[in-house]
Protein backbone atom coordinates (compact mmCIF):
# COMPACT_ATOMS: atom_id res chain seq x y z
CA UNK A 1 123.31 103.26 48.55
CA UNK A 2 124.52 100.09 46.91
CA UNK A 3 124.42 99.50 43.24
CA UNK A 4 122.93 96.31 41.85
CA UNK A 5 124.15 93.95 44.53
CA UNK A 6 122.08 95.58 47.31
CA UNK A 7 122.41 95.82 51.04
CA UNK A 8 122.93 92.17 51.82
CA UNK A 9 126.71 92.45 51.79
CA UNK A 10 128.14 90.38 54.58
CA UNK A 11 129.95 92.49 57.16
CA UNK A 12 133.13 91.01 58.60
CA UNK A 13 134.29 92.29 61.94
CA UNK A 14 137.88 92.74 62.91
CA UNK A 15 137.62 89.78 65.30
CA UNK A 16 138.42 87.56 62.33
CA UNK A 17 140.94 87.82 59.55
CA UNK A 18 139.98 90.62 57.17
CA UNK A 19 140.82 90.26 53.53
CA UNK A 20 142.28 93.62 52.63
CA UNK A 21 144.33 94.92 49.76
CA UNK A 22 147.64 96.47 50.65
CA UNK A 23 146.94 99.43 48.48
CA UNK A 24 146.36 102.53 50.62
CA UNK A 25 144.02 104.78 48.70
CA UNK A 26 142.06 107.88 49.26
CA UNK A 27 138.85 105.91 49.53
CA UNK A 28 136.66 108.89 50.06
CA UNK A 29 137.71 110.70 46.94
CA UNK A 30 135.32 112.48 44.76
CA UNK A 31 132.42 111.67 47.73
CA UNK A 32 111.50 106.22 66.17
CA UNK A 33 107.88 107.01 65.34
CA UNK A 34 106.32 108.85 62.51
CA UNK A 35 106.47 112.60 61.88
CA UNK A 36 103.88 114.53 59.92
CA UNK A 37 105.78 117.46 58.40
CA UNK A 38 106.68 118.25 54.83
CA UNK A 39 109.81 117.49 52.86
CA UNK A 40 111.25 120.98 53.13
CA UNK A 41 111.64 120.46 56.87
CA UNK A 42 114.33 117.87 56.30
CA UNK A 43 117.05 120.18 55.05
CA UNK A 44 120.17 119.27 57.00
CA UNK A 45 123.05 121.67 57.50
CA UNK A 46 125.74 120.49 55.10
CA UNK A 47 128.01 123.49 55.33
CA UNK A 48 130.16 121.58 57.82
CA UNK A 49 129.79 118.18 56.20
CA UNK A 50 132.83 116.56 54.64
CA UNK A 51 132.50 114.24 51.68
CA UNK A 52 136.10 113.13 51.66
CA UNK A 53 138.49 111.60 54.17
CA UNK A 54 142.12 112.60 54.31
CA UNK A 55 144.82 110.40 52.87
CA UNK A 56 146.16 109.16 56.21
CA UNK A 57 148.72 106.43 55.74
CA UNK A 58 148.68 103.31 57.90
CA UNK A 59 152.40 104.01 58.43
CA UNK A 60 151.63 107.25 60.25
CA UNK A 61 152.05 107.47 64.03
CA UNK A 62 148.34 106.94 64.69
CA UNK A 63 148.09 104.34 61.94
CA UNK A 64 150.82 102.28 63.56
CA UNK A 65 149.14 102.65 66.96
CA UNK A 66 145.91 101.41 65.39
CA UNK A 67 147.68 98.40 63.89
CA UNK A 68 149.10 97.36 67.26
CA UNK A 69 145.76 97.81 69.03
CA UNK A 70 144.23 95.38 66.54
CA UNK A 71 147.14 93.02 67.15
CA UNK A 72 146.71 93.20 70.94
CA UNK A 73 142.95 92.73 71.17
CA UNK A 74 142.31 90.55 68.11
CA UNK A 75 145.65 88.73 67.80
CA UNK A 76 145.57 89.90 64.20
CA UNK A 77 148.95 91.01 62.78
CA UNK A 78 147.60 91.95 59.36
CA UNK A 79 147.87 95.71 59.77
CA UNK A 80 151.26 95.51 61.47
CA UNK A 81 152.49 93.50 58.49
CA UNK A 82 151.00 96.09 56.15
CA UNK A 83 153.34 98.63 57.72
CA UNK A 84 156.37 96.36 57.41
CA UNK A 85 156.11 93.09 55.53
CA UNK A 86 156.61 90.00 57.69
CA UNK A 87 157.18 92.13 60.77
CA UNK A 88 155.30 89.39 62.61
CA UNK A 89 156.00 86.14 60.71
CA UNK A 90 153.59 83.25 60.65
CA UNK A 91 155.94 81.00 62.60
CA UNK A 92 155.69 83.05 65.82
CA UNK A 93 151.90 83.32 65.77
CA UNK A 94 151.59 79.91 67.37
CA UNK A 95 153.51 81.09 70.39
CA UNK A 96 151.40 81.74 73.47
CA UNK A 97 151.05 85.46 74.11
CA UNK A 98 152.93 86.51 70.97
CA UNK A 99 150.58 89.46 70.51
CA UNK A 100 151.25 90.78 74.02
CA UNK A 101 155.00 90.47 73.58
CA UNK A 102 154.95 92.29 70.24
CA UNK A 103 152.72 95.02 71.66
CA UNK A 104 155.12 95.57 74.55
CA UNK A 105 158.00 95.77 72.07
CA UNK A 106 156.04 98.45 70.22
CA UNK A 107 155.53 100.43 73.44
CA UNK A 108 159.27 100.37 74.07
CA UNK A 109 159.85 102.14 70.74
CA UNK A 110 157.64 105.10 71.65
CA UNK A 111 159.18 108.43 72.57
CA UNK A 112 156.04 110.54 72.77
CA UNK A 113 155.06 110.51 76.45
CA UNK A 114 151.31 110.99 75.86
CA UNK A 115 151.18 108.25 73.24
CA UNK A 116 153.23 105.89 75.40
CA UNK A 117 150.95 106.50 78.38
CA UNK A 118 147.88 105.83 76.24
CA UNK A 119 149.43 102.69 74.76
CA UNK A 120 150.20 101.42 78.27
CA UNK A 121 146.61 102.16 79.30
CA UNK A 122 145.35 99.98 76.44
CA UNK A 123 147.62 97.17 77.58
CA UNK A 124 146.28 97.43 81.13
CA UNK A 125 142.70 97.36 79.82
CA UNK A 126 143.52 94.16 77.98
CA UNK A 127 145.38 92.48 80.83
CA UNK A 128 143.35 93.73 83.79
CA UNK A 129 139.80 94.30 82.50
CA UNK A 130 138.17 94.20 85.94
CA UNK A 131 139.74 97.56 86.80
CA UNK A 132 137.70 99.43 84.20
CA UNK A 133 134.03 100.35 84.20
CA UNK A 134 131.93 101.27 81.17
CA UNK A 135 132.25 105.02 81.72
CA UNK A 136 136.05 104.84 81.80
CA UNK A 137 136.10 102.72 78.67
CA UNK A 138 133.90 105.28 76.88
CA UNK A 139 136.34 108.02 77.86
CA UNK A 140 139.20 106.02 76.37
CA UNK A 141 137.16 105.53 73.19
CA UNK A 142 136.76 109.30 72.92
CA UNK A 143 140.48 109.87 73.33
CA UNK A 144 141.25 107.31 70.63
CA UNK A 145 138.71 108.93 68.31
CA UNK A 146 140.86 112.05 68.47
CA UNK A 147 143.65 109.92 67.02
CA UNK A 148 141.41 108.63 64.21
CA UNK A 149 141.04 105.24 65.87
CA UNK A 150 137.34 104.43 66.00
CA UNK A 151 136.68 101.51 68.31
CA UNK A 152 134.10 100.22 70.74
CA UNK A 153 134.96 98.18 73.80
CA UNK A 154 132.73 95.29 74.76
CA UNK A 155 132.76 93.91 78.29
CA UNK A 156 131.40 90.41 78.69
CA UNK A 157 130.08 90.25 82.24
CA UNK A 158 129.21 86.56 81.87
CA UNK A 159 132.74 85.51 81.00
CA UNK A 160 134.78 84.11 83.87
CA UNK A 161 137.68 86.39 82.98
CA UNK A 162 135.59 89.55 82.56
CA UNK A 163 137.44 89.95 79.26
CA UNK A 164 137.23 93.19 77.29
CA UNK A 165 137.07 92.78 73.52
CA UNK A 166 136.47 95.10 70.58
CA UNK A 167 133.13 95.26 68.78
CA UNK A 168 134.94 97.08 66.00
CA UNK A 169 138.19 98.94 65.39
CA UNK A 170 138.52 101.20 62.36
CA UNK A 171 141.25 103.56 61.25
CA UNK A 172 139.39 106.66 60.09
CA UNK A 173 137.00 109.26 61.37
CA UNK A 174 133.30 109.42 62.03
CA UNK A 175 131.00 112.33 61.39
CA UNK A 176 127.65 112.88 63.08
CA UNK A 177 124.73 112.57 60.69
CA UNK A 178 122.61 115.68 61.13
CA UNK A 179 119.97 114.86 58.55
CA UNK A 180 116.43 114.24 59.76
CA UNK A 181 114.62 111.29 58.30
CA UNK A 182 111.28 112.17 56.66
CA UNK A 183 109.34 109.63 58.74
CA UNK A 184 111.47 108.16 61.53
CA UNK A 185 112.36 110.08 64.67
CA UNK A 186 115.92 109.01 65.42
CA UNK A 187 117.05 109.95 68.92
CA UNK A 188 120.34 108.04 68.93
CA UNK A 189 123.48 109.52 67.40
CA UNK A 190 124.27 107.97 64.05
CA UNK A 191 127.66 108.52 62.42
CA UNK A 192 128.93 108.27 58.89
CA UNK A 193 132.20 106.39 59.02
CA UNK A 194 135.01 107.62 56.79
CA UNK A 195 137.81 105.02 56.74
CA UNK A 196 141.38 105.96 55.87
CA UNK A 197 142.26 102.51 54.55
CA UNK A 198 140.34 99.91 52.59
CA UNK A 199 137.94 97.53 54.35
CA UNK A 200 135.74 95.01 52.59
CA UNK A 201 132.70 96.07 54.60
CA UNK A 202 133.09 99.66 53.40
CA UNK A 203 133.41 99.01 49.68
CA UNK A 204 129.87 100.17 48.87
CA UNK A 205 127.37 102.33 50.73
CA UNK A 206 125.51 100.37 53.38
CA UNK A 207 123.89 100.66 56.79
CA UNK A 208 126.60 98.41 58.35
CA UNK A 209 126.10 95.95 61.18
CA UNK A 210 127.46 98.51 63.63
CA UNK A 211 124.62 99.96 65.69
CA UNK A 212 125.60 103.63 65.42
CA UNK A 213 127.21 103.77 61.97
CA UNK A 214 126.35 104.01 58.32
CA UNK A 215 128.76 104.24 55.42
CA UNK A 216 128.27 106.42 52.35
CA UNK A 217 130.74 105.79 49.56
CA UNK A 218 131.56 109.23 48.14
CA UNK A 219 132.72 107.67 44.86
CA UNK A 220 129.12 106.53 44.30
CA UNK A 221 127.81 109.98 45.23
CA UNK A 222 130.29 111.60 42.88
CA UNK A 223 129.33 109.27 40.03
CA UNK A 224 125.65 110.13 40.35
CA UNK A 225 126.50 113.83 40.67
CA UNK A 226 128.51 113.78 37.45
CA UNK A 227 125.67 112.04 35.62
CA UNK A 228 123.05 114.50 36.91
CA UNK A 229 125.22 117.47 35.97
CA UNK A 230 125.86 116.11 32.46
CA UNK A 231 122.18 115.49 31.88
CA UNK A 232 121.29 119.01 33.04
CA UNK A 233 123.96 120.40 30.70
CA UNK A 234 122.65 118.33 27.79
CA UNK A 235 125.82 116.23 27.56
CA UNK A 236 126.09 112.60 26.47
CA UNK A 237 125.72 110.01 29.25
CA UNK A 238 125.24 106.96 27.06
CA UNK A 239 128.21 105.05 28.46
CA UNK A 240 127.45 105.76 32.12
CA UNK A 241 125.41 103.88 34.71
CA UNK A 242 123.16 105.53 37.28
CA UNK A 243 122.66 103.43 40.45
CA UNK A 244 123.67 100.35 38.48
CA UNK A 245 121.36 100.95 35.52
CA UNK A 246 121.83 102.17 32.00
CA UNK A 247 120.38 105.64 31.77
CA UNK A 248 116.85 105.64 30.36
CA UNK A 249 114.72 108.55 29.19
CA UNK A 250 112.72 108.35 32.43
CA UNK A 251 115.91 108.72 34.47
CA UNK A 252 117.02 111.65 32.32
CA UNK A 253 113.66 113.36 32.72
CA UNK A 254 113.75 113.08 36.52
CA UNK A 255 117.37 114.12 36.99
CA UNK A 256 116.99 117.13 34.69
CA UNK A 257 114.17 118.47 36.90
CA UNK A 258 115.06 117.22 40.40
CA UNK A 259 117.26 120.09 41.55
CA UNK A 260 116.00 123.59 42.30
CA UNK A 261 119.54 124.86 42.81
CA UNK A 262 122.22 123.60 40.44
CA UNK A 263 124.90 124.54 42.95
CA UNK A 264 123.34 122.11 45.43
CA UNK A 265 123.18 118.97 43.28
CA UNK A 266 125.80 116.98 45.17
CA UNK A 267 124.28 117.90 48.54
CA UNK A 268 120.88 116.67 47.38
CA UNK A 269 122.32 113.38 46.17
CA UNK A 270 124.28 113.00 49.41
CA UNK A 271 121.11 113.57 51.45
CA UNK A 272 119.32 110.97 49.36
CA UNK A 273 122.03 108.42 50.21
CA UNK A 274 121.84 109.34 53.91
CA UNK A 275 118.05 109.00 54.04
CA UNK A 276 118.25 105.69 52.22
CA UNK A 277 120.78 104.25 54.67
CA UNK A 278 119.06 105.70 57.74
CA UNK A 279 115.90 103.85 56.73
CA UNK A 280 117.77 100.56 56.76
CA UNK A 281 119.52 101.49 60.01
CA UNK A 282 116.26 102.12 61.89
CA UNK A 283 114.65 98.99 60.47
CA UNK A 284 117.67 96.99 61.63
CA UNK A 285 118.10 98.61 65.04
CA UNK A 286 114.55 99.28 66.16
CA UNK A 287 112.49 96.67 64.33
CA UNK A 288 115.10 93.93 63.93
CA UNK A 289 114.00 93.86 60.32
CA UNK A 290 116.63 92.78 57.80
CA UNK A 291 114.24 91.88 54.99
CA UNK A 292 115.95 93.12 51.84
CA UNK A 293 112.86 93.80 49.76
CA UNK A 294 110.99 95.63 52.50
CA UNK A 295 114.09 97.60 53.40
CA UNK A 296 114.56 98.73 49.82
CA UNK A 297 110.86 99.51 49.42
CA UNK A 298 110.70 101.70 52.54
CA UNK A 299 113.99 103.38 51.62
CA UNK A 300 112.68 104.07 48.14
CA UNK A 301 109.47 105.60 49.46
CA UNK A 302 111.45 107.75 51.90
CA UNK A 303 113.68 109.19 49.19
CA UNK A 304 110.72 109.83 46.88
CA UNK A 305 109.00 111.70 49.70
CA UNK A 306 112.12 113.79 50.35
CA UNK A 307 112.74 114.68 46.68
CA UNK A 308 110.09 113.15 44.41
CA UNK A 309 111.94 113.36 41.09
CA UNK A 310 115.32 112.37 42.48
CA UNK A 311 113.69 109.45 44.28
CA UNK A 312 111.88 108.44 41.08
CA UNK A 313 115.19 108.38 39.22
CA UNK A 314 116.21 105.62 41.66
CA UNK A 315 112.89 103.85 41.11
CA UNK A 316 113.37 103.83 37.33
CA UNK A 317 116.93 102.57 37.76
CA UNK A 318 115.73 99.64 39.84
CA UNK A 319 112.98 98.85 37.35
CA UNK A 320 115.56 98.74 34.57
CA UNK A 321 117.69 96.05 36.21
CA UNK A 322 117.92 92.90 34.10
CA UNK A 323 117.94 90.53 37.06
CA UNK A 324 115.09 90.01 39.49
CA UNK A 325 116.68 91.17 42.75
CA UNK A 326 115.42 92.85 45.96
CA UNK A 327 115.82 96.32 44.40
CA UNK A 328 113.70 95.51 41.36
CA UNK A 329 111.07 93.66 43.39
CA UNK A 330 110.82 96.61 45.79
CA UNK A 331 110.39 99.02 42.87
CA UNK A 332 107.65 96.86 41.34
CA UNK A 333 105.87 96.68 44.71
CA UNK A 334 105.98 100.47 44.97
CA UNK A 335 104.53 100.85 41.45
CA UNK A 336 101.72 98.42 42.30
CA UNK A 337 100.91 100.45 45.41
CA UNK A 338 100.79 103.72 43.45
CA UNK A 339 98.65 102.14 40.75
CA UNK A 340 96.18 100.73 43.26
CA UNK A 341 95.89 103.90 45.33
CA UNK A 342 95.43 106.17 42.32
CA UNK A 343 93.07 103.77 40.53
CA UNK A 344 95.28 103.95 37.46
CA UNK A 345 96.00 100.57 35.90
CA UNK A 346 98.00 102.27 33.16
CA UNK A 347 100.80 102.93 35.65
CA UNK A 348 101.41 99.20 35.90
CA UNK A 349 101.75 98.93 32.13
CA UNK A 350 103.87 102.06 31.86
CA UNK A 351 105.52 103.03 35.20
CA UNK A 352 107.19 105.97 33.47
CA UNK A 353 103.87 107.80 33.69
CA UNK A 354 104.36 108.10 37.47
CA UNK A 355 106.78 110.96 36.90
CA UNK A 356 103.92 113.12 35.63
CA UNK A 357 101.97 112.85 38.89
CA UNK A 358 101.98 116.11 40.90
CA UNK A 359 104.85 116.10 43.39
CA UNK A 360 102.52 116.79 46.30
CA UNK A 361 100.46 113.73 45.36
CA UNK A 362 103.63 111.63 45.11
CA UNK A 363 104.65 112.72 48.60
CA UNK A 364 101.23 111.89 50.03
CA UNK A 365 101.25 108.49 48.34
CA UNK A 366 104.78 107.79 49.55
CA UNK A 367 103.82 108.63 53.12
CA UNK A 368 100.77 106.37 52.89
CA UNK A 369 102.93 103.64 51.40
CA UNK A 370 105.52 103.99 54.18
CA UNK A 371 102.98 103.79 56.99
CA UNK A 372 101.25 100.76 55.48
CA UNK A 373 104.51 98.87 54.95
CA UNK A 374 105.88 99.77 58.36
CA UNK A 375 102.79 98.27 60.02
CA UNK A 376 103.45 95.05 58.15
CA UNK A 377 107.00 94.93 59.48
CA UNK A 378 105.99 94.95 63.15
């Protein structure tokens, strides 16, 4: 879930130059159809869920392999030069086929027979794309995933050369999202990507432009977890920001009462992020809907349905933003809906009163709100 700047972050693919810092960090530090059940049915199994990615260096064996795959398919030497500065100088990049030559040189340095065979297979895929069908390419993708190289081949059947390109290529791992959305039935596998190195498109939580991926920034999860824990313990949070907002009394009230099990606080916050991003993902994939306000409004309603008080803490954060942005507009729209459907004009004047509504009523209103807004998006 993004902070104040929202979900409109432009995603750059690896087909173009990616502006990346050379600092290798442990990025993941501290982390379709309507159903009719109740919130308690959406408890995912988090016992096997990992918040954090390992600190895998780009200079590792698989990291170097990744860098040369990007060089071969995208003619992008950035990652190779991250491993060794000026390994591929600017002056040779104008030479025809420089990327193929450098990739072959890399293959010649390999001593591991399995890795060398796989590297040669990638070269053949690039040079002789007509030999490979979709099923074979998927099998290669699976093998590369085992080496923490997450990529997707794209075969352009209309191109005269039948060229195979990469939709994306990421050094990291992906983990299947096993959380059920409160309202959407999602039949496709969706993965949370956990990159090992920094990418601009994975700087804040977002639904990504990749069809089967979302990204949850565990630093954001950890920040909100620390705030919730401090509030519950009666500690000072005056200098902290929750979802991009200074912490108000309404936020404190909700966070102090949102968790039935104090040992499960981080899991609950993580689930909230997942549900939020899944809402955007389905709107993007199934409805081709990229409207920022509507996306935030439906995501907000989904999280309030899942955990009313935790979801309301997000609502009050959005309402407290100084700037008029999609988050704040979505929050105001939600308040107007609640006010209208409860017949309570006082909620418009003082949205903080919403937190005193019975949680069952909040869930019913959120479901009604979701259905009404989804119809408008079709």
